[in-house]
Amino acid sequence: MSTPIAKPQLRGLLTSQIKKNLVVMMVVSISAGVAYKIFVVDKRKRKYAEFYKTYDAEKQLKIMNEAGLMQSYNIEQK
């Protein structure tokens, strides 16, 4: 004896698909946000921190002034 074929869902099909799509969308978007934070934001923060550990603003100002890039700034004023 064979079992009868299940009837297709005709009512509420769109609603059930939307619920499934919302769950998948939330999982994918949260995963993408966490991955972006880990691989881009944290890496960028680390690079900025390393750069500013050795950065000397006064030295860079002097170099730019000697190169003639800071025409409106006179270093002798300080």
PDB file of N, CA and C in Angstrom:
ATOM      1  N   MET A   1       0.838  -1.172   0.000  1.00  0.00           N
ATOM      2  CA  MET A   1       0.000   0.000   0.000  1.00  0.00           C
ATOM      3  C   MET A   1       0.891   1.246   0.000  1.00  0.00           C
ATOM      4  N   SER A   2       0.642   2.151  -0.900  1.00  0.00           N
ATOM      5  CA  SER A   2       1.437   3.372  -0.992  1.00  0.00           C
ATOM      6  C   SER A   2       0.770   4.493  -0.198  1.00  0.00           C
ATOM      7  N   THR A   3       1.623   5.431   0.254  1.00  0.00           N
ATOM      8  CA  THR A   3       1.099   6.568   1.017  1.00  0.00           C
ATOM      9  C   THR A   3       0.701   7.667   0.047  1.00  0.00           C
ATOM     10  N   PRO A   4      -0.318   8.420   0.397  1.00  0.00           N
ATOM     11  CA  PRO A   4      -0.748   9.486  -0.511  1.00  0.00           C
ATOM     12  C   PRO A   4       0.280  10.627  -0.535  1.00  0.00           C
ATOM     13  N   ILE A   5       0.361  11.307  -1.651  1.00  0.00           N
ATOM     14  CA  ILE A   5       1.270  12.442  -1.821  1.00  0.00           C
ATOM     15  C   ILE A   5       0.747  13.619  -0.995  1.00  0.00           C
ATOM     16  N   ALA A   6       1.667  14.301  -0.314  1.00  0.00           N
ATOM     17  CA  ALA A   6       1.282  15.443   0.510  1.00  0.00           C
ATOM     18  C   ALA A   6       0.811  16.587  -0.365  1.00  0.00           C
ATOM     19  N   LYS A   7      -0.188  17.269   0.095  1.00  0.00           N
ATOM     20  CA  LYS A   7      -0.725  18.398  -0.661  1.00  0.00           C
ATOM     21  C   LYS A   7       0.253  19.575  -0.579  1.00  0.00           C
ATOM     22  N   PRO A   8       0.394  20.350  -1.642  1.00  0.00           N
ATOM     23  CA  PRO A   8       1.268  21.528  -1.584  1.00  0.00           C
ATOM     24  C   PRO A   8       0.634  22.616  -0.717  1.00  0.00           C
ATOM     25  N   GLN A   9       1.493  23.419  -0.132  1.00  0.00           N
ATOM     26  CA  GLN A   9       1.011  24.515   0.706  1.00  0.00           C
ATOM     27  C   GLN A   9       0.581  25.648  -0.210  1.00  0.00           C
ATOM     28  N   LEU A  10      -0.675  25.943  -0.211  1.00  0.00           N
ATOM     29  CA  LEU A  10      -1.184  26.984  -1.091  1.00  0.00           C
ATOM     30  C   LEU A  10      -1.462  28.281  -0.334  1.00  0.00           C
ATOM     31  N   ARG A  11      -1.810  28.172   0.929  1.00  0.00           N
ATOM     32  CA  ARG A  11      -2.105  29.364   1.717  1.00  0.00           C
ATOM     33  C   ARG A  11      -0.954  29.611   2.683  1.00  0.00           C
ATOM     34  N   GLY A  12      -0.541  30.842   2.797  1.00  0.00           N
ATOM     35  CA  GLY A  12       0.518  31.201   3.731  1.00  0.00           C
ATOM     36  C   GLY A  12       1.912  30.861   3.225  1.00  0.00           C
ATOM     37  N   LEU A  13       2.038  30.534   1.939  1.00  0.00           N
ATOM     38  CA  LEU A  13       3.355  30.184   1.385  1.00  0.00           C
ATOM     39  C   LEU A  13       4.302  31.380   1.425  1.00  0.00           C
ATOM     40  N   LEU A  14       3.805  32.539   1.027  1.00  0.00           N
ATOM     41  CA  LEU A  14       4.644  33.739   1.027  1.00  0.00           C
ATOM     42  C   LEU A  14       5.097  34.085   2.443  1.00  0.00           C
ATOM     43  N   THR A  15       4.204  33.982   3.405  1.00  0.00           N
ATOM     44  CA  THR A  15       4.544  34.304   4.786  1.00  0.00           C
ATOM     45  C   THR A  15       5.617  33.366   5.324  1.00  0.00           C
ATOM     46  N   SER A  16       5.496  32.077   5.029  1.00  0.00           N
ATOM     47  CA  SER A  16       6.506  31.130   5.522  1.00  0.00           C
ATOM     48  C   SER A  16       7.852  31.350   4.842  1.00  0.00           C
ATOM     49  N   GLN A  17       7.849  31.690   3.562  1.00  0.00           N
ATOM     50  CA  GLN A  17       9.113  31.972   2.873  1.00  0.00           C
ATOM     51  C   GLN A  17       9.758  33.244   3.392  1.00  0.00           C
ATOM     52  N   ILE A  18       8.972  34.245   3.690  1.00  0.00           N
ATOM     53  CA  ILE A  18       9.507  35.497   4.231  1.00  0.00           C
ATOM     54  C   ILE A  18      10.157  35.251   5.587  1.00  0.00           C
ATOM     55  N   LYS A  19       9.526  34.432   6.429  1.00  0.00           N
ATOM     56  CA  LYS A  19      10.107  34.127   7.738  1.00  0.00           C
ATOM     57  C   LYS A  19      11.458  33.432   7.585  1.00  0.00           C
ATOM     58  N   LYS A  20      11.533  32.470   6.688  1.00  0.00           N
ATOM     59  CA  LYS A  20      12.803  31.773   6.446  1.00  0.00           C
ATOM     60  C   LYS A  20      13.857  32.742   5.914  1.00  0.00           C
ATOM     61  N   ASN A  21      13.454  33.597   4.974  1.00  0.00           N
ATOM     62  CA  ASN A  21      14.400  34.550   4.394  1.00  0.00           C
ATOM     63  C   ASN A  21      14.890  35.555   5.415  1.00  0.00           C
ATOM     64  N   LEU A  22      14.024  35.973   6.330  1.00  0.00           N
ATOM     65  CA  LEU A  22      14.432  36.914   7.376  1.00  0.00           C
ATOM     66  C   LEU A  22      15.467  36.292   8.301  1.00  0.00           C
ATOM     67  N   VAL A  23      15.264  35.034   8.662  1.00  0.00           N
ATOM     68  CA  VAL A  23      16.223  34.356   9.532  1.00  0.00           C
ATOM     69  C   VAL A  23      17.573  34.242   8.833  1.00  0.00           C
ATOM     70  N   VAL A  24      17.559  33.821   7.572  1.00  0.00           N
ATOM     71  CA  VAL A  24      18.813  33.686   6.819  1.00  0.00           C
ATOM     72  C   VAL A  24      19.479  35.039   6.648  1.00  0.00           C
ATOM     73  N   MET A  25      18.703  36.071   6.359  1.00  0.00           N
ATOM     74  CA  MET A  25      19.243  37.419   6.178  1.00  0.00           C
ATOM     75  C   MET A  25      19.890  37.931   7.457  1.00  0.00           C
ATOM     76  N   MET A  26      19.267  37.673   8.589  1.00  0.00           N
ATOM     77  CA  MET A  26      19.831  38.121   9.860  1.00  0.00           C
ATOM     78  C   MET A  26      21.149  37.410  10.157  1.00  0.00           C
ATOM     79  N   VAL A  27      21.196  36.114   9.926  1.00  0.00           N
ATOM     80  CA  VAL A  27      22.425  35.355  10.183  1.00  0.00           C
ATOM     81  C   VAL A  27      23.550  35.842   9.278  1.00  0.00           C
ATOM     82  N   VAL A  28      23.263  36.041   8.000  1.00  0.00           N
ATOM     83  CA  VAL A  28      24.288  36.484   7.050  1.00  0.00           C
ATOM     84  C   VAL A  28      24.757  37.902   7.369  1.00  0.00           C
ATOM     85  N   SER A  29      23.839  38.811   7.686  1.00  0.00           N
ATOM     86  CA  SER A  29      24.228  40.192   7.946  1.00  0.00           C
ATOM     87  C   SER A  29      25.031  40.327   9.245  1.00  0.00           C
ATOM     88  N   ILE A  30      24.651  39.580  10.273  1.00  0.00           N
ATOM     89  CA  ILE A  30      25.406  39.627  11.524  1.00  0.00           C
ATOM     90  C   ILE A  30      26.799  39.034  11.316  1.00  0.00           C
ATOM     91  N   SER A  31      26.866  37.945  10.567  1.00  0.00           N
ATOM     92  CA  SER A  31      28.169  37.330  10.277  1.00  0.00           C
ATOM     93  C   SER A  31      29.060  38.284   9.491  1.00  0.00           C
ATOM     94  N   ALA A  32      28.495  38.969   8.510  1.00  0.00           N
ATOM     95  CA  ALA A  32      29.272  39.921   7.718  1.00  0.00           C
ATOM     96  C   ALA A  32      29.743  41.087   8.579  1.00  0.00           C
ATOM     97  N   GLY A  33      28.906  41.577   9.474  1.00  0.00           N
ATOM     98  CA  GLY A  33      29.297  42.674  10.361  1.00  0.00           C
ATOM     99  C   GLY A  33      30.423  42.284  11.300  1.00  0.00           C
ATOM    100  N   VAL A  34      30.333  41.097  11.868  1.00  0.00           N
ATOM    101  CA  VAL A  34      31.381  40.630  12.777  1.00  0.00           C
ATOM    102  C   VAL A  34      32.687  40.397  12.015  1.00  0.00           C
ATOM    103  N   ALA A  35      32.590  39.807  10.815  1.00  0.00           N
ATOM    104  CA  ALA A  35      33.791  39.579  10.009  1.00  0.00           C
ATOM    105  C   ALA A  35      34.442  40.901   9.618  1.00  0.00           C
ATOM    106  N   TYR A  36      33.646  41.913   9.248  1.00  0.00           N
ATOM    107  CA  TYR A  36      34.191  43.218   8.884  1.00  0.00           C
ATOM    108  C   TYR A  36      34.905  43.850  10.079  1.00  0.00           C
ATOM    109  N   LYS A  37      34.302  43.741  11.254  1.00  0.00           N
ATOM    110  CA  LYS A  37      34.931  44.315  12.445  1.00  0.00           C
ATOM    111  C   LYS A  37      36.261  43.642  12.742  1.00  0.00           C
ATOM    112  N   ILE A  38      36.289  42.317  12.658  1.00  0.00           N
ATOM    113  CA  ILE A  38      37.501  41.583  13.000  1.00  0.00           C
ATOM    114  C   ILE A  38      38.598  41.814  11.967  1.00  0.00           C
ATOM    115  N   PHE A  39      38.250  41.689  10.682  1.00  0.00           N
ATOM    116  CA  PHE A  39      39.269  41.706   9.642  1.00  0.00           C
ATOM    117  C   PHE A  39      39.615  43.091   9.123  1.00  0.00           C
ATOM    118  N   VAL A  40      38.752  44.079   9.303  1.00  0.00           N
ATOM    119  CA  VAL A  40      39.039  45.415   8.765  1.00  0.00           C
ATOM    120  C   VAL A  40      39.244  46.426   9.886  1.00  0.00           C
ATOM    121  N   VAL A  41      38.268  46.579  10.759  1.00  0.00           N
ATOM    122  CA  VAL A  41      38.311  47.641  11.769  1.00  0.00           C
ATOM    123  C   VAL A  41      39.430  47.404  12.780  1.00  0.00           C
ATOM    124  N   ASP A  42      39.505  46.185  13.324  1.00  0.00           N
ATOM    125  CA  ASP A  42      40.543  45.909  14.326  1.00  0.00           C
ATOM    126  C   ASP A  42      41.935  45.994  13.721  1.00  0.00           C
ATOM    127  N   LYS A  43      42.085  45.519  12.489  1.00  0.00           N
ATOM    128  CA  LYS A  43      43.384  45.589  11.805  1.00  0.00           C
ATOM    129  C   LYS A  43      43.790  47.051  11.578  1.00  0.00           C
ATOM    130  N   ARG A  44      42.823  47.877  11.173  1.00  0.00           N
ATOM    131  CA  ARG A  44      43.097  49.295  10.932  1.00  0.00           C
ATOM    132  C   ARG A  44      43.462  50.015  12.229  1.00  0.00           C
ATOM    133  N   LYS A  45      42.763  49.703  13.319  1.00  0.00           N
ATOM    134  CA  LYS A  45      43.073  50.315  14.612  1.00  0.00           C
ATOM    135  C   LYS A  45      44.475  49.946  15.064  1.00  0.00           C
ATOM    136  N   ARG A  46      44.841  48.679  14.850  1.00  0.00           N
ATOM    137  CA  ARG A  46      46.172  48.217  15.244  1.00  0.00           C
ATOM    138  C   ARG A  46      47.255  48.956  14.447  1.00  0.00           C
ATOM    139  N   LYS A  47      47.032  49.140  13.139  1.00  0.00           N
ATOM    140  CA  LYS A  47      48.015  49.839  12.304  1.00  0.00           C
ATOM    141  C   LYS A  47      48.144  51.307  12.715  1.00  0.00           C
ATOM    142  N   TYR A  48      47.019  51.964  13.009  1.00  0.00           N
ATOM    143  CA  TYR A  48      47.078  53.355  13.461  1.00  0.00           C
ATOM    144  C   TYR A  48      47.829  53.460  14.789  1.00  0.00           C
ATOM    145  N   ALA A  49      47.580  52.543  15.702  1.00  0.00           N
ATOM    146  CA  ALA A  49      48.265  52.568  17.000  1.00  0.00           C
ATOM    147  C   ALA A  49      49.763  52.381  16.825  1.00  0.00           C
ATOM    148  N   GLU A  50      50.170  51.456  15.944  1.00  0.00           N
ATOM    149  CA  GLU A  50      51.596  51.250  15.690  1.00  0.00           C
ATOM    150  C   GLU A  50      52.232  52.483  15.059  1.00  0.00           C
ATOM    151  N   PHE A  51      51.503  53.142  14.147  1.00  0.00           N
ATOM    152  CA  PHE A  51      52.041  54.326  13.483  1.00  0.00           C
ATOM    153  C   PHE A  51      52.253  55.460  14.484  1.00  0.00           C
ATOM    154  N   TYR A  52      51.278  55.708  15.340  1.00  0.00           N
ATOM    155  CA  TYR A  52      51.370  56.843  16.247  1.00  0.00           C
ATOM    156  C   TYR A  52      52.284  56.592  17.446  1.00  0.00           C
ATOM    157  N   LYS A  53      52.761  55.360  17.635  1.00  0.00           N
ATOM    158  CA  LYS A  53      53.743  55.101  18.688  1.00  0.00           C
ATOM    159  C   LYS A  53      55.076  55.763  18.353  1.00  0.00           C
ATOM    160  N   THR A  54      55.421  55.813  17.072  1.00  0.00           N
ATOM    161  CA  THR A  54      56.714  56.360  16.657  1.00  0.00           C
ATOM    162  C   THR A  54      56.579  57.692  15.924  1.00  0.00           C
ATOM    163  N   TYR A  55      55.381  58.224  15.784  1.00  0.00           N
ATOM    164  CA  TYR A  55      55.164  59.453  15.020  1.00  0.00           C
ATOM    165  C   TYR A  55      55.551  60.674  15.843  1.00  0.00           C
ATOM    166  N   ASP A  56      56.326  61.549  15.235  1.00  0.00           N
ATOM    167  CA  ASP A  56      56.731  62.797  15.881  1.00  0.00           C
ATOM    168  C   ASP A  56      56.202  63.953  15.042  1.00  0.00           C
ATOM    169  N   ALA A  57      55.179  64.625  15.523  1.00  0.00           N
ATOM    170  CA  ALA A  57      54.524  65.686  14.768  1.00  0.00           C
ATOM    171  C   ALA A  57      55.449  66.887  14.571  1.00  0.00           C
ATOM    172  N   GLU A  58      56.215  67.227  15.572  1.00  0.00           N
ATOM    173  CA  GLU A  58      57.121  68.367  15.457  1.00  0.00           C
ATOM    174  C   GLU A  58      58.186  68.115  14.379  1.00  0.00           C
ATOM    175  N   LYS A  59      58.688  66.902  14.326  1.00  0.00           N
ATOM    176  CA  LYS A  59      59.686  66.544  13.314  1.00  0.00           C
ATOM    177  C   LYS A  59      59.079  66.638  11.910  1.00  0.00           C
ATOM    178  N   GLN A  60      57.860  66.159  11.744  1.00  0.00           N
ATOM    179  CA  GLN A  60      57.196  66.225  10.442  1.00  0.00           C
ATOM    180  C   GLN A  60      56.902  67.669  10.050  1.00  0.00           C
ATOM    181  N   LEU A  61      56.532  68.502  11.014  1.00  0.00           N
ATOM    182  CA  LEU A  61      56.289  69.913  10.739  1.00  0.00           C
ATOM    183  C   LEU A  61      57.565  70.588  10.254  1.00  0.00           C
ATOM    184  N   LYS A  62      58.665  70.273  10.892  1.00  0.00           N
ATOM    185  CA  LYS A  62      59.941  70.853  10.494  1.00  0.00           C
ATOM    186  C   LYS A  62      60.321  70.411   9.086  1.00  0.00           C
ATOM    187  N   ILE A  63      60.111  69.152   8.760  1.00  0.00           N
ATOM    188  CA  ILE A  63      60.429  68.639   7.422  1.00  0.00           C
ATOM    189  C   ILE A  63      59.565  69.327   6.365  1.00  0.00           C
ATOM    190  N   MET A  64      58.262  69.480   6.647  1.00  0.00           N
ATOM    191  CA  MET A  64      57.371  70.135   5.681  1.00  0.00           C
ATOM    192  C   MET A  64      57.725  71.605   5.518  1.00  0.00           C
ATOM    193  N   ASN A  65      58.105  72.261   6.612  1.00  0.00           N
ATOM    194  CA  ASN A  65      58.472  73.672   6.543  1.00  0.00           C
ATOM    195  C   ASN A  65      59.746  73.860   5.731  1.00  0.00           C
ATOM    196  N   GLU A  66      60.718  72.972   5.919  1.00  0.00           N
ATOM    197  CA  GLU A  66      61.967  73.064   5.165  1.00  0.00           C
ATOM    198  C   GLU A  66      61.751  72.761   3.688  1.00  0.00           C
ATOM    199  N   ALA A  67      60.761  71.939   3.362  1.00  0.00           N
ATOM    200  CA  ALA A  67      60.459  71.611   1.972  1.00  0.00           C
ATOM    201  C   ALA A  67      59.653  72.712   1.297  1.00  0.00           C
ATOM    202  N   GLY A  68      59.175  73.684   2.065  1.00  0.00           N
ATOM    203  CA  GLY A  68      58.426  74.796   1.495  1.00  0.00           C
ATOM    204  C   GLY A  68      56.937  74.519   1.360  1.00  0.00           C
ATOM    205  N   LEU A  69      56.448  73.501   2.003  1.00  0.00           N
ATOM    206  CA  LEU A  69      55.028  73.166   1.905  1.00  0.00           C
ATOM    207  C   LEU A  69      54.174  74.005   2.839  1.00  0.00           C
ATOM    208  N   MET A  70      54.767  74.556   3.876  1.00  0.00           N
ATOM    209  CA  MET A  70      54.026  75.332   4.865  1.00  0.00           C
ATOM    210  C   MET A  70      54.412  76.808   4.715  1.00  0.00           C
ATOM    211  N   GLN A  71      53.955  77.425   3.658  1.00  0.00           N
ATOM    212  CA  GLN A  71      54.359  78.790   3.361  1.00  0.00           C
ATOM    213  C   GLN A  71      53.757  79.801   4.335  1.00  0.00           C
ATOM    214  N   SER A  72      52.582  79.522   4.873  1.00  0.00           N
ATOM    215  CA  SER A  72      51.945  80.477   5.768  1.00  0.00           C
ATOM    216  C   SER A  72      52.382  80.282   7.214  1.00  0.00           C
ATOM    217  N   TYR A  73      53.181  79.286   7.477  1.00  0.00           N
ATOM    218  CA  TYR A  73      53.624  78.997   8.834  1.00  0.00           C
ATOM    219  C   TYR A  73      55.109  79.267   8.931  1.00  0.00           C
ATOM    220  N   ASN A  74      55.479  80.055   9.920  1.00  0.00           N
ATOM    221  CA  ASN A  74      56.891  80.349  10.120  1.00  0.00           C
ATOM    222  C   ASN A  74      57.329  79.645  11.382  1.00  0.00           C
ATOM    223  N   ILE A  75      58.263  78.721  11.279  1.00  0.00           N
ATOM    224  CA  ILE A  75      58.699  77.912  12.425  1.00  0.00           C
ATOM    225  C   ILE A  75      59.449  78.750  13.446  1.00  0.00           C
ATOM    226  N   GLU A  76      60.025  79.870  13.044  1.00  0.00           N
ATOM    227  CA  GLU A  76      60.778  80.709  13.982  1.00  0.00           C
ATOM    228  C   GLU A  76      59.846  81.417  14.960  1.00  0.00           C
ATOM    229  N   GLN A  77      58.548  81.453  14.688  1.00  0.00           N
ATOM    230  CA  GLN A  77      57.615  82.118  15.593  1.00  0.00           C
ATOM    231  C   GLN A  77      57.527  81.384  16.924  1.00  0.00           C
ATOM    232  N   LYS A  78      57.737  80.108  16.925  1.00  0.00           N
ATOM    233  CA  LYS A  78      57.604  79.318  18.165  1.00  0.00           C
ATOM    234  C   LYS A  78      58.775  79.491  19.045  1.00  0.00           C
TER     235      LYS A  78
END
